[in-house]
Amino acid sequence: METKRTDNEALIKGIKIMRITVILMFLGPTLFYVGLSNPDKPLYIPILITAAIICILAIYIAFKGLKTIMDRMKKKTIETYKKPDVNLLP
């Protein structure tokens, strides 16, 4: 009988994606603050555009990481409740 275990590779992949998300979630607003505190500098607009792109990317990558983790849990749940392939007739 096969034991029920979580696919560690998929879980680790999802956690790695979520670590990248956390970094981007701090980097984006920090760049917004830096950009908005210096409106007279020549890099004002490029910093704001970069910050906006990083914030949008953080949201996208967060959904991607959560989807990776949840897909593995969903697959595990489906495998748990799957009927066994037992043929009782000879």
N, C-alpha and C. Protein backbone atom coordinates (compact mmCIF):
# COMPACT_ATOMS: atom_id res chain seq x y z
N MET A 1 0.84 -1.18 0.00
CA MET A 1 0.00 0.00 0.00
C MET A 1 0.88 1.24 0.00
N GLU A 2 0.53 2.15 -0.82
CA GLU A 2 1.31 3.38 -0.96
C GLU A 2 0.87 4.40 0.10
N THR A 3 1.85 5.02 0.73
CA THR A 3 1.51 6.02 1.75
C THR A 3 1.22 7.35 1.07
N LYS A 4 0.36 8.13 1.73
CA LYS A 4 -0.02 9.43 1.20
C LYS A 4 1.00 10.46 1.66
N ARG A 5 1.68 11.08 0.74
CA ARG A 5 2.68 12.07 1.07
C ARG A 5 2.52 13.27 0.15
N THR A 6 2.96 14.40 0.65
CA THR A 6 2.94 15.62 -0.16
C THR A 6 4.12 15.59 -1.12
N ASP A 7 3.89 16.08 -2.32
CA ASP A 7 4.97 16.18 -3.30
C ASP A 7 5.88 17.34 -2.87
N ASN A 8 7.00 16.98 -2.25
CA ASN A 8 7.89 18.01 -1.69
C ASN A 8 8.47 18.92 -2.76
N GLU A 9 8.74 18.41 -3.94
CA GLU A 9 9.32 19.24 -5.00
C GLU A 9 8.35 20.35 -5.41
N ALA A 10 7.08 20.02 -5.56
CA ALA A 10 6.09 21.03 -5.94
C ALA A 10 5.88 22.03 -4.82
N LEU A 11 5.89 21.54 -3.58
CA LEU A 11 5.72 22.44 -2.44
C LEU A 11 6.90 23.40 -2.32
N ILE A 12 8.11 22.89 -2.49
CA ILE A 12 9.30 23.74 -2.42
C ILE A 12 9.31 24.75 -3.55
N LYS A 13 8.87 24.35 -4.74
CA LYS A 13 8.78 25.27 -5.87
C LYS A 13 7.82 26.41 -5.55
N GLY A 14 6.67 26.09 -4.97
CA GLY A 14 5.70 27.12 -4.59
C GLY A 14 6.23 28.05 -3.53
N ILE A 15 6.97 27.51 -2.56
CA ILE A 15 7.55 28.35 -1.50
C ILE A 15 8.63 29.26 -2.06
N LYS A 16 9.42 28.77 -3.00
CA LYS A 16 10.44 29.62 -3.63
C LYS A 16 9.80 30.78 -4.38
N ILE A 17 8.71 30.49 -5.06
CA ILE A 17 8.00 31.55 -5.78
C ILE A 17 7.45 32.58 -4.79
N MET A 18 6.95 32.12 -3.66
CA MET A 18 6.41 33.03 -2.65
C MET A 18 7.51 33.88 -2.01
N ARG A 19 8.73 33.34 -1.90
CA ARG A 19 9.85 34.14 -1.38
C ARG A 19 10.17 35.29 -2.32
N ILE A 20 10.15 35.03 -3.61
CA ILE A 20 10.39 36.08 -4.60
C ILE A 20 9.29 37.15 -4.49
N THR A 21 8.05 36.69 -4.26
CA THR A 21 6.93 37.61 -4.12
C THR A 21 7.12 38.55 -2.93
N VAL A 22 7.57 38.02 -1.81
CA VAL A 22 7.78 38.85 -0.62
C VAL A 22 8.83 39.92 -0.89
N ILE A 23 9.89 39.55 -1.56
CA ILE A 23 10.94 40.53 -1.89
C ILE A 23 10.38 41.64 -2.78
N LEU A 24 9.62 41.25 -3.80
CA LEU A 24 9.04 42.24 -4.69
C LEU A 24 7.99 43.11 -4.00
N MET A 25 7.26 42.53 -3.04
CA MET A 25 6.25 43.30 -2.32
C MET A 25 6.87 44.40 -1.45
N PHE A 26 8.08 44.20 -1.00
CA PHE A 26 8.77 45.26 -0.26
C PHE A 26 9.50 46.22 -1.19
N LEU A 27 10.03 45.70 -2.27
CA LEU A 27 10.81 46.53 -3.20
C LEU A 27 9.94 47.55 -3.94
N GLY A 28 8.77 47.13 -4.40
CA GLY A 28 7.89 48.01 -5.16
C GLY A 28 7.45 49.25 -4.39
N PRO A 29 6.84 49.10 -3.21
CA PRO A 29 6.44 50.29 -2.45
C PRO A 29 7.62 51.15 -2.00
N THR A 30 8.76 50.51 -1.73
CA THR A 30 9.95 51.29 -1.36
C THR A 30 10.38 52.19 -2.51
N LEU A 31 10.36 51.64 -3.72
CA LEU A 31 10.71 52.47 -4.89
C LEU A 31 9.67 53.57 -5.12
N PHE A 32 8.39 53.26 -4.86
CA PHE A 32 7.37 54.31 -4.96
C PHE A 32 7.67 55.44 -3.99
N TYR A 33 8.02 55.11 -2.77
CA TYR A 33 8.32 56.13 -1.78
C TYR A 33 9.53 56.97 -2.20
N VAL A 34 10.57 56.31 -2.67
CA VAL A 34 11.77 57.02 -3.13
C VAL A 34 11.43 57.92 -4.31
N GLY A 35 10.65 57.40 -5.24
CA GLY A 35 10.29 58.18 -6.42
C GLY A 35 9.42 59.38 -6.08
N LEU A 36 8.46 59.20 -5.20
CA LEU A 36 7.56 60.30 -4.86
C LEU A 36 8.20 61.33 -3.93
N SER A 37 9.24 60.94 -3.23
CA SER A 37 9.90 61.90 -2.33
C SER A 37 10.89 62.80 -3.08
N ASN A 38 11.20 62.49 -4.32
CA ASN A 38 12.13 63.29 -5.12
C ASN A 38 11.52 63.66 -6.47
N PRO A 39 10.46 64.46 -6.50
CA PRO A 39 9.82 64.77 -7.79
C PRO A 39 10.65 65.70 -8.68
N ASP A 40 11.65 66.37 -8.12
CA ASP A 40 12.44 67.29 -8.93
C ASP A 40 13.67 66.63 -9.56
N LYS A 41 13.90 65.37 -9.29
CA LYS A 41 15.05 64.65 -9.86
C LYS A 41 14.74 64.19 -11.28
N PRO A 42 15.78 63.98 -12.09
CA PRO A 42 15.54 63.57 -13.49
C PRO A 42 15.02 62.13 -13.62
N LEU A 43 15.24 61.28 -12.63
CA LEU A 43 14.79 59.90 -12.71
C LEU A 43 13.43 59.67 -12.04
N TYR A 44 12.68 60.74 -11.83
CA TYR A 44 11.39 60.66 -11.15
C TYR A 44 10.42 59.72 -11.87
N ILE A 45 10.19 59.94 -13.14
CA ILE A 45 9.23 59.13 -13.91
C ILE A 45 9.72 57.69 -14.10
N PRO A 46 10.98 57.47 -14.49
CA PRO A 46 11.42 56.07 -14.65
C PRO A 46 11.35 55.26 -13.35
N ILE A 47 11.62 55.89 -12.20
CA ILE A 47 11.52 55.17 -10.93
C ILE A 47 10.07 54.81 -10.63
N LEU A 48 9.14 55.73 -10.89
CA LEU A 48 7.73 55.43 -10.65
C LEU A 48 7.21 54.33 -11.58
N ILE A 49 7.64 54.36 -12.82
CA ILE A 49 7.23 53.32 -13.78
C ILE A 49 7.79 51.97 -13.35
N THR A 50 9.06 51.95 -12.96
CA THR A 50 9.68 50.71 -12.49
C THR A 50 8.98 50.18 -11.25
N ALA A 51 8.65 51.07 -10.32
CA ALA A 51 7.96 50.66 -9.10
C ALA A 51 6.58 50.08 -9.42
N ALA A 52 5.87 50.69 -10.34
CA ALA A 52 4.55 50.17 -10.71
C ALA A 52 4.65 48.79 -11.34
N ILE A 53 5.64 48.61 -12.20
CA ILE A 53 5.84 47.30 -12.84
C ILE A 53 6.19 46.24 -11.80
N ILE A 54 7.04 46.59 -10.84
CA ILE A 54 7.42 45.64 -9.79
C ILE A 54 6.21 45.28 -8.93
N CYS A 55 5.36 46.24 -8.61
CA CYS A 55 4.16 45.95 -7.80
C CYS A 55 3.21 45.03 -8.55
N ILE A 56 2.99 45.29 -9.81
CA ILE A 56 2.11 44.43 -10.62
C ILE A 56 2.71 43.03 -10.76
N LEU A 57 4.01 42.96 -10.95
CA LEU A 57 4.71 41.68 -11.05
C LEU A 57 4.61 40.90 -9.74
N ALA A 58 4.69 41.59 -8.61
CA ALA A 58 4.56 40.93 -7.30
C ALA A 58 3.19 40.28 -7.15
N ILE A 59 2.15 40.97 -7.59
CA ILE A 59 0.80 40.42 -7.49
C ILE A 59 0.67 39.19 -8.40
N TYR A 60 1.18 39.29 -9.62
CA TYR A 60 1.11 38.17 -10.56
C TYR A 60 1.87 36.95 -10.02
N ILE A 61 3.07 37.17 -9.53
CA ILE A 61 3.89 36.06 -9.04
C ILE A 61 3.27 35.46 -7.77
N ALA A 62 2.61 36.29 -6.95
CA ALA A 62 1.93 35.76 -5.76
C ALA A 62 0.82 34.80 -6.17
N PHE A 63 0.01 35.18 -7.15
CA PHE A 63 -1.04 34.29 -7.62
C PHE A 63 -0.46 33.02 -8.22
N LYS A 64 0.63 33.16 -8.94
CA LYS A 64 1.27 31.99 -9.54
C LYS A 64 1.80 31.03 -8.46
N GLY A 65 2.40 31.57 -7.42
CA GLY A 65 2.92 30.73 -6.33
C GLY A 65 1.80 30.05 -5.56
N LEU A 66 0.74 30.79 -5.27
CA LEU A 66 -0.40 30.18 -4.57
C LEU A 66 -1.07 29.11 -5.43
N LYS A 67 -1.13 29.37 -6.73
CA LYS A 67 -1.73 28.37 -7.63
C LYS A 67 -0.90 27.09 -7.65
N THR A 68 0.43 27.23 -7.63
CA THR A 68 1.31 26.06 -7.61
C THR A 68 1.07 25.23 -6.35
N ILE A 69 0.98 25.90 -5.22
CA ILE A 69 0.76 25.19 -3.96
C ILE A 69 -0.64 24.57 -3.93
N MET A 70 -1.65 25.33 -4.33
CA MET A 70 -3.02 24.83 -4.27
C MET A 70 -3.28 23.70 -5.27
N ASP A 71 -2.65 23.77 -6.45
CA ASP A 71 -2.82 22.68 -7.42
C ASP A 71 -2.29 21.38 -6.85
N ARG A 72 -1.18 21.44 -6.14
CA ARG A 72 -0.64 20.22 -5.55
C ARG A 72 -1.57 19.70 -4.46
N MET A 73 -2.14 20.59 -3.66
CA MET A 73 -3.08 20.14 -2.63
C MET A 73 -4.34 19.56 -3.26
N LYS A 74 -4.81 20.18 -4.35
CA LYS A 74 -5.99 19.68 -5.03
C LYS A 74 -5.71 18.30 -5.62
N LYS A 75 -4.54 18.12 -6.19
CA LYS A 75 -4.17 16.83 -6.76
C LYS A 75 -4.11 15.78 -5.67
N LYS A 76 -3.57 16.16 -4.50
CA LYS A 76 -3.49 15.23 -3.39
C LYS A 76 -4.88 14.84 -2.91
N THR A 77 -5.80 15.81 -2.86
CA THR A 77 -7.16 15.54 -2.42
C THR A 77 -7.86 14.61 -3.40
N ILE A 78 -7.68 14.84 -4.68
CA ILE A 78 -8.31 13.98 -5.70
C ILE A 78 -7.75 12.56 -5.60
N GLU A 79 -6.42 12.45 -5.39
CA GLU A 79 -5.83 11.13 -5.26
C GLU A 79 -6.32 10.42 -4.00
N THR A 80 -6.60 11.17 -2.94
CA THR A 80 -7.04 10.58 -1.68
C THR A 80 -8.43 9.98 -1.83
N TYR A 81 -9.33 10.66 -2.53
CA TYR A 81 -10.71 10.20 -2.65
C TYR A 81 -10.97 9.39 -3.90
N LYS A 82 -9.95 9.05 -4.65
CA LYS A 82 -10.10 8.27 -5.86
C LYS A 82 -10.44 6.83 -5.51
N LYS A 83 -11.38 6.25 -6.25
CA LYS A 83 -11.76 4.87 -5.99
C LYS A 83 -10.61 3.94 -6.40
N PRO A 84 -10.39 2.92 -5.63
CA PRO A 84 -9.32 1.99 -5.99
C PRO A 84 -9.68 1.18 -7.24
N ASP A 85 -8.68 0.85 -8.01
CA ASP A 85 -8.87 0.05 -9.21
C ASP A 85 -8.77 -1.42 -8.86
N VAL A 86 -9.85 -1.94 -8.30
CA VAL A 86 -9.86 -3.34 -7.89
C VAL A 86 -10.95 -4.06 -8.69
N ASN A 87 -10.54 -5.09 -9.35
CA ASN A 87 -11.48 -5.89 -10.11
C ASN A 87 -11.82 -7.11 -9.30
N LEU A 88 -13.05 -7.20 -8.81
CA LEU A 88 -13.46 -8.30 -7.96
C LEU A 88 -13.88 -9.53 -8.76
N LEU A 89 -14.17 -9.36 -10.02
CA LEU A 89 -14.56 -10.49 -10.85
C LEU A 89 -13.35 -11.10 -11.52
N PRO A 90 -13.26 -12.43 -11.54
CA PRO A 90 -12.10 -13.07 -12.21
C PRO A 90 -12.12 -12.98 -13.70
